[in-house]
Amino acid sequence: MTTTRTIASLATIAAAALILGACSPSSTGNTPTDQPPEQTTTGFTAPGDGDRGGKDRPIRIGVVGAQGPQFHILKANAEAQGIYLEFVDFTDYQQPNPATSSGDLDLNQFQHIRFLAQYNLASEADLAPIGSTAIYPLSLFSATYASVEEIPDGAQITIPNDETNLARALGVLASAGLITLKDGASALFATADDVDPAASRVSVTPVAANQTGRTLQDPSVAGAIINNDYVADSGLDPSQAIAQDDPASPAARAFVNIWVTRAADAEDPVYTEITRLAAREDFGQALSENSAGTAVVLTIAPAQLQSDLADVERQLREHAG
């Protein structure tokens, strides 16, 4: 399951992000997990046992897929710096942000910029991104057809029903030639009503994001757009995707995955140290491996992420207009 800039800058930086994902220290090689973390250069002082991040008050982080190896690596590296972490696992994308806003969670790491922008506006919240992880392609899978071309006209495709991933899923289907969107439909805001049925090869059925994989068991469903977090849970391998979006496209920047906390805590030194450790090579390598190599790992400065978020929120307000 991040902030944006102007569209003019999206293409340039998205391309740069792809280069970073291919060759930066965050995405290549692997540091043995039994080695001590790199020494901090920020003058970080470990919290006391009773302080936030100390042994008696661990940082609570909401994630989807807490058993991911990258989180085990981060926990070990953080403890070596005197920071204690507790990962709280969720299966529903709608839960971690409210828990972060209320203070039940200190951080979360499951969403992209577009998703956070929608939450902030709908809930009048001020959650802020403080670090980036990766861009994940959004993919189309089928239990029956080996290619997009094999999908028959009139077939049914299921897509995530949350606003942010629904629009992105429609973009995947449009780029694959399965649907045509009506004139004026936005890549960030398209809904099922924006599909032109007369010009489209398939129909779309929005369902909960964590259910799209299960719909492939229905013989009436020709394919499903499945969020990266749920691909493995659906018994699928990312290499089985028959279509996906392009992380280097101008619109991709809104889908950078991020570390998130309350705006008032955005510069908390413990949180800053956690995101620094998450930018290490070993975390990035494990994250990439956990995604079967699909993740485009990148590191973006918090100030840029927050500027990006502000821009997406502006676009959302204008769209709601």
Protein backbone atom coordinates (compact mmCIF):
# COMPACT_ATOMS: atom_id res chain seq x y z
CA MET A 1 0.00 0.00 0.00
CA THR A 2 4.08 9.99 -0.26
CA THR A 3 3.74 13.51 -1.85
CA THR A 4 4.09 14.82 -5.43
CA ARG A 5 5.39 17.75 -7.41
CA THR A 6 4.22 19.33 -10.60
CA ILE A 7 3.56 17.01 -13.50
CA ALA A 8 6.37 18.64 -15.45
CA SER A 9 8.89 17.47 -12.88
CA LEU A 10 7.37 14.02 -12.50
CA ALA A 11 8.75 12.60 -15.71
CA THR A 12 12.29 13.71 -15.01
CA ILE A 13 12.40 12.48 -11.45
CA ALA A 14 10.52 9.27 -12.13
CA ALA A 15 13.16 8.40 -14.70
CA ALA A 16 15.85 9.27 -12.19
CA ALA A 17 14.13 7.10 -9.62
CA LEU A 18 14.30 4.15 -11.99
CA ILE A 19 18.02 4.70 -12.40
CA LEU A 20 18.42 4.92 -8.63
CA GLY A 21 16.48 1.69 -8.24
CA ALA A 22 18.81 -0.05 -10.66
CA CYS A 23 22.16 1.12 -9.38
CA SER A 24 21.93 2.87 -6.01
CA PRO A 25 23.30 1.30 -2.82
CA SER A 26 19.70 0.77 -1.77
CA SER A 27 18.99 -1.74 -4.50
CA THR A 28 22.12 -3.69 -5.28
CA GLY A 29 24.17 -6.16 -3.32
CA ASN A 30 23.41 -7.42 0.17
CA THR A 31 25.00 -6.69 3.51
CA PRO A 32 25.19 -9.73 5.85
CA THR A 33 22.62 -9.24 8.58
CA ASP A 34 25.05 -10.24 11.32
CA GLN A 35 27.21 -7.21 10.64
CA PRO A 36 26.64 -4.09 12.76
CA PRO A 37 24.78 -1.21 11.12
CA GLU A 38 26.70 1.61 9.48
CA GLN A 39 27.59 4.26 12.03
CA THR A 40 25.21 7.17 12.07
CA THR A 41 26.59 10.49 10.86
CA THR A 42 23.79 12.57 12.39
CA GLY A 43 24.91 12.58 16.03
CA PHE A 44 22.03 10.29 16.95
CA THR A 45 21.75 9.36 20.63
CA ALA A 46 19.93 6.14 21.50
CA PRO A 47 16.76 6.63 23.59
CA GLY A 48 16.59 5.56 27.20
CA ASP A 49 14.58 2.47 28.12
CA GLY A 50 11.49 4.51 28.95
CA ASP A 51 11.80 6.98 26.08
CA ARG A 52 10.07 6.65 22.73
CA GLY A 53 11.98 3.95 20.89
CA GLY A 54 13.52 2.55 24.08
CA LYS A 55 13.23 -1.03 25.32
CA ASP A 56 10.12 -0.29 27.38
CA ARG A 57 8.45 1.89 24.74
CA PRO A 58 9.14 0.39 21.29
CA ILE A 59 8.22 2.23 18.11
CA ARG A 60 4.96 0.76 16.81
CA ILE A 61 5.00 0.52 13.00
CA GLY A 62 1.94 -0.46 10.97
CA VAL A 63 2.73 -2.57 7.89
CA VAL A 64 1.05 -4.99 5.49
CA GLY A 65 3.10 -8.18 5.52
CA ALA A 66 5.07 -7.94 8.77
CA GLN A 67 6.90 -11.20 8.05
CA GLY A 68 8.75 -9.60 5.15
CA PRO A 69 12.51 -10.17 5.57
CA GLN A 70 13.22 -6.45 5.20
CA PHE A 71 11.41 -5.80 8.47
CA HIS A 72 13.42 -8.44 10.34
CA ILE A 73 16.60 -6.82 9.04
CA LEU A 74 15.43 -3.36 10.05
CA LYS A 75 14.49 -4.53 13.54
CA ALA A 76 17.92 -6.09 14.09
CA ASN A 77 19.76 -3.05 12.76
CA ALA A 78 17.63 -0.68 14.82
CA GLU A 79 18.26 -2.64 18.04
CA ALA A 80 21.98 -2.46 17.32
CA GLN A 81 21.53 1.34 17.46
CA GLY A 82 19.48 1.14 20.66
CA ILE A 83 16.06 1.53 18.99
CA TYR A 84 13.34 -1.06 19.61
CA LEU A 85 10.62 -1.70 17.04
CA GLU A 86 7.25 -3.45 17.12
CA PHE A 87 5.62 -4.24 13.78
CA VAL A 88 1.82 -4.32 13.72
CA ASP A 89 0.45 -6.32 10.78
CA PHE A 90 -2.65 -5.27 8.84
CA THR A 91 -4.57 -6.89 6.01
CA ASP A 92 -6.78 -3.88 5.28
CA TYR A 93 -5.24 -0.73 3.79
CA GLN A 94 -7.88 1.43 5.48
CA GLN A 95 -6.70 0.78 9.05
CA PRO A 96 -3.05 1.91 9.51
CA ASN A 97 -3.55 5.62 8.80
CA PRO A 98 -6.32 6.17 11.39
CA ALA A 99 -4.22 4.23 13.90
CA THR A 100 -1.26 6.52 13.14
CA SER A 101 -3.36 9.66 13.41
CA SER A 102 -4.72 8.56 16.79
CA GLY A 103 -1.25 7.75 18.15
CA ASP A 104 -1.87 4.01 18.41
CA LEU A 105 0.91 3.65 15.83
CA ASP A 106 4.05 5.78 15.68
CA LEU A 107 4.83 5.11 12.02
CA ASN A 108 3.40 3.19 9.10
CA GLN A 109 4.91 1.85 5.92
CA PHE A 110 2.45 0.37 3.45
CA GLN A 111 1.15 3.12 1.16
CA HIS A 112 2.07 5.46 -1.65
CA ILE A 113 1.75 9.24 -1.89
CA ARG A 114 -1.60 9.18 -3.70
CA PHE A 115 -3.19 6.99 -1.03
CA LEU A 116 -1.92 9.22 1.78
CA ALA A 117 -3.15 12.37 0.05
CA GLN A 118 -6.64 10.92 -0.24
CA TYR A 119 -6.64 9.93 3.43
CA ASN A 120 -5.42 13.32 4.63
CA LEU A 121 -8.12 15.19 2.73
CA ALA A 122 -10.96 12.82 3.58
CA SER A 123 -10.05 12.69 7.27
CA GLU A 124 -8.74 16.26 7.67
CA ALA A 125 -5.50 14.67 8.88
CA ASP A 126 -1.91 15.87 8.58
CA LEU A 127 0.11 12.69 8.24
CA ALA A 128 3.45 13.30 6.55
CA PRO A 129 5.97 11.21 4.61
CA ILE A 130 9.44 11.06 6.13
CA GLY A 131 11.16 8.51 3.86
CA SER A 132 10.67 6.49 0.68
CA THR A 133 11.04 2.80 -0.07
CA ALA A 134 10.12 1.83 -3.63
CA ILE A 135 7.68 1.97 -6.50
CA TYR A 136 5.88 -1.30 -7.18
CA PRO A 137 4.28 -2.03 -10.54
CA LEU A 138 0.55 -2.74 -10.38
CA SER A 139 -0.14 -5.92 -12.34
CA LEU A 140 -2.87 -7.86 -14.13
CA PHE A 141 -3.05 -11.63 -13.54
CA SER A 142 -5.20 -14.35 -15.03
CA ALA A 143 -5.79 -17.98 -14.07
CA THR A 144 -7.06 -18.78 -17.57
CA TYR A 145 -5.25 -16.65 -20.13
CA ALA A 146 -1.52 -16.39 -20.78
CA SER A 147 -1.65 -13.00 -22.48
CA VAL A 148 -3.82 -9.91 -22.79
CA GLU A 149 -4.53 -10.83 -26.40
CA GLU A 150 -6.18 -14.11 -25.32
CA ILE A 151 -8.74 -12.38 -23.08
CA PRO A 152 -12.05 -12.47 -24.97
CA ASP A 153 -14.21 -9.45 -25.67
CA GLY A 154 -16.85 -8.95 -22.99
CA ALA A 155 -14.78 -10.65 -20.28
CA GLN A 156 -14.86 -9.44 -16.66
CA ILE A 157 -11.78 -8.01 -14.89
CA THR A 158 -11.75 -7.31 -11.15
CA ILE A 159 -9.86 -4.29 -9.82
CA PRO A 160 -9.21 -2.79 -6.34
CA ASN A 161 -12.11 -0.62 -5.19
CA ASP A 162 -10.22 1.98 -3.14
CA GLU A 163 -10.06 5.29 -4.98
CA THR A 164 -6.32 5.51 -5.46
CA ASN A 165 -5.64 1.98 -6.67
CA LEU A 166 -8.83 1.91 -8.72
CA ALA A 167 -7.65 4.82 -10.86
CA ARG A 168 -4.22 3.27 -11.24
CA ALA A 169 -5.74 -0.12 -12.16
CA LEU A 170 -7.83 1.50 -14.88
CA GLY A 171 -4.63 3.00 -16.25
CA VAL A 172 -3.07 -0.48 -16.44
CA LEU A 173 -6.06 -1.84 -18.34
CA ALA A 174 -6.15 1.17 -20.66
CA SER A 175 -2.45 0.85 -21.48
CA ALA A 176 -3.01 -2.86 -22.20
CA GLY A 177 -5.78 -2.02 -24.67
CA LEU A 178 -8.51 -3.72 -22.65
CA ILE A 179 -10.50 -0.59 -21.84
CA THR A 180 -10.87 2.92 -23.17
CA LEU A 181 -11.39 5.80 -20.79
CA LYS A 182 -13.71 8.66 -21.64
CA ASP A 183 -12.19 11.94 -22.76
CA GLY A 184 -10.97 14.00 -19.84
CA ALA A 185 -10.55 11.06 -17.42
CA SER A 186 -7.60 11.66 -15.09
CA ALA A 187 -4.87 9.14 -14.38
CA LEU A 188 -5.13 10.02 -10.68
CA PHE A 189 -8.90 10.24 -10.34
CA ALA A 190 -10.54 7.90 -12.88
CA THR A 191 -13.42 5.75 -11.65
CA ALA A 192 -15.36 2.85 -13.14
CA ASP A 193 -17.82 5.43 -14.51
CA ASP A 194 -15.00 6.83 -16.66
CA VAL A 195 -14.76 3.59 -18.66
CA ASP A 196 -16.31 3.85 -22.13
CA PRO A 197 -18.12 0.49 -22.42
CA ALA A 198 -18.75 0.79 -26.16
CA ALA A 199 -15.04 1.29 -26.86
CA SER A 200 -13.73 -1.25 -24.31
CA ARG A 201 -13.01 -4.94 -24.74
CA VAL A 202 -13.79 -5.90 -21.12
CA SER A 203 -15.93 -4.80 -18.18
CA VAL A 204 -14.49 -3.95 -14.77
CA THR A 205 -15.76 -4.94 -11.33
CA PRO A 206 -14.27 -3.11 -8.32
CA VAL A 207 -13.80 -5.27 -5.19
CA ALA A 208 -11.79 -4.92 -1.97
CA ALA A 209 -8.07 -4.90 -2.73
CA ASN A 210 -7.40 -7.94 -0.54
CA GLN A 211 -10.06 -9.91 -2.45
CA THR A 212 -9.00 -9.38 -6.06
CA GLY A 213 -6.69 -12.41 -6.03
CA ARG A 214 -9.46 -14.66 -4.75
CA THR A 215 -11.74 -13.65 -7.60
CA LEU A 216 -9.48 -15.56 -9.99
CA GLN A 217 -11.08 -18.72 -8.60
CA ASP A 218 -14.35 -17.59 -10.19
CA PRO A 219 -14.56 -18.97 -13.75
CA SER A 220 -16.50 -15.87 -14.81
CA VAL A 221 -13.49 -13.67 -14.00
CA ALA A 222 -10.92 -13.47 -16.79
CA GLY A 223 -8.34 -11.50 -14.84
CA ALA A 224 -7.65 -9.39 -11.77
CA ILE A 225 -5.50 -6.39 -10.95
CA ILE A 226 -3.74 -7.40 -7.72
CA ASN A 227 -1.78 -5.08 -5.44
CA ASN A 228 1.78 -6.19 -4.82
CA ASP A 229 1.09 -6.88 -1.11
CA TYR A 230 -1.46 -9.56 -2.03
CA VAL A 231 0.24 -11.30 -4.96
CA ALA A 232 2.00 -13.95 -2.86
CA ASP A 233 -1.09 -14.41 -0.67
CA SER A 234 -2.97 -15.26 -3.85
CA GLY A 235 -0.52 -18.05 -4.67
CA LEU A 236 0.91 -16.10 -7.59
CA ASP A 237 4.38 -15.10 -8.68
CA PRO A 238 4.92 -11.55 -10.01
CA SER A 239 6.47 -13.04 -13.15
CA GLN A 240 3.02 -14.45 -14.00
CA ALA A 241 1.62 -10.96 -14.62
CA ILE A 242 0.32 -10.47 -18.14
CA ALA A 243 0.30 -6.65 -17.95
CA GLN A 244 1.50 -3.92 -15.57
CA ASP A 245 2.14 -0.20 -15.37
CA ASP A 246 5.49 1.50 -15.96
CA PRO A 247 7.37 2.83 -12.90
CA ALA A 248 9.17 5.32 -15.16
CA SER A 249 5.98 6.94 -16.47
CA PRO A 250 5.25 10.56 -15.46
CA ALA A 251 2.29 9.51 -13.31
CA ALA A 252 4.35 6.96 -11.37
CA ARG A 253 5.72 9.47 -8.89
CA ALA A 254 2.39 9.62 -7.08
CA PHE A 255 2.84 5.92 -6.32
CA VAL A 256 6.15 6.06 -4.46
CA ASN A 257 5.77 4.05 -1.24
CA ILE A 258 6.63 5.92 1.92
CA TRP A 259 7.29 5.96 5.67
CA VAL A 260 4.57 8.02 7.36
CA THR A 261 4.02 9.68 10.74
CA ARG A 262 2.13 12.65 12.19
CA ALA A 263 3.34 16.01 10.86
CA ALA A 264 4.27 17.16 14.38
CA ASP A 265 6.69 14.23 14.68
CA ALA A 266 8.15 14.39 11.17
CA GLU A 267 11.57 15.48 12.44
CA ASP A 268 11.71 13.17 15.46
CA PRO A 269 15.37 11.99 15.61
CA VAL A 270 14.39 8.39 16.39
CA TYR A 271 12.11 8.26 13.34
CA THR A 272 14.81 9.88 11.22
CA GLU A 273 17.27 7.21 12.32
CA ILE A 274 14.79 4.44 11.48
CA THR A 275 14.33 5.75 7.95
CA ARG A 276 18.11 6.12 7.60
CA LEU A 277 18.52 2.45 8.50
CA ALA A 278 15.72 1.58 6.06
CA ALA A 279 17.73 3.28 3.30
CA ARG A 280 20.60 0.83 3.84
CA GLU A 281 21.59 -1.66 1.20
CA ASP A 282 20.55 -4.73 3.19
CA PHE A 283 17.00 -3.46 3.74
CA GLY A 284 16.62 -2.50 0.08
CA GLN A 285 17.96 -5.83 -1.11
CA ALA A 286 15.58 -7.77 1.15
CA LEU A 287 12.66 -5.60 0.08
CA SER A 288 13.49 -6.24 -3.58
CA GLU A 289 13.82 -9.97 -3.03
CA ASN A 290 10.54 -10.05 -1.10
CA SER A 291 8.82 -8.51 -4.11
CA ALA A 292 10.40 -11.11 -6.43
CA GLY A 293 12.52 -8.35 -7.91
CA THR A 294 9.61 -6.13 -8.94
CA ALA A 295 10.29 -3.26 -6.52
CA VAL A 296 12.13 -0.23 -7.90
CA VAL A 297 14.00 0.84 -4.75
CA LEU A 298 14.76 4.54 -4.33
CA THR A 299 15.62 7.16 -1.74
CA ILE A 300 13.96 10.58 -1.84
CA ALA A 301 14.52 13.37 0.69
CA PRO A 302 11.66 13.98 3.15
CA ALA A 303 11.30 17.61 2.05
CA GLN A 304 10.75 16.49 -1.53
CA LEU A 305 8.25 13.84 -0.49
CA GLN A 306 6.34 16.40 1.55
CA SER A 307 6.33 18.81 -1.38
CA ASP A 308 5.07 16.01 -3.62
CA LEU A 309 2.28 15.21 -1.14
CA ALA A 310 1.20 18.84 -1.06
CA ASP A 311 0.97 18.86 -4.85
CA VAL A 312 -1.17 15.72 -5.01
CA GLU A 313 -3.43 17.09 -2.27
CA ARG A 314 -3.81 20.29 -4.31
CA GLN A 315 -4.79 18.28 -7.38
CA LEU A 316 -7.32 16.33 -5.30
CA ARG A 317 -8.91 19.55 -4.02
CA GLU A 318 -9.11 20.97 -7.52
CA HIS A 319 -10.64 17.74 -8.80
CA ALA A 320 -13.23 17.75 -6.01
CA GLY A 321 -13.75 21.42 -6.88
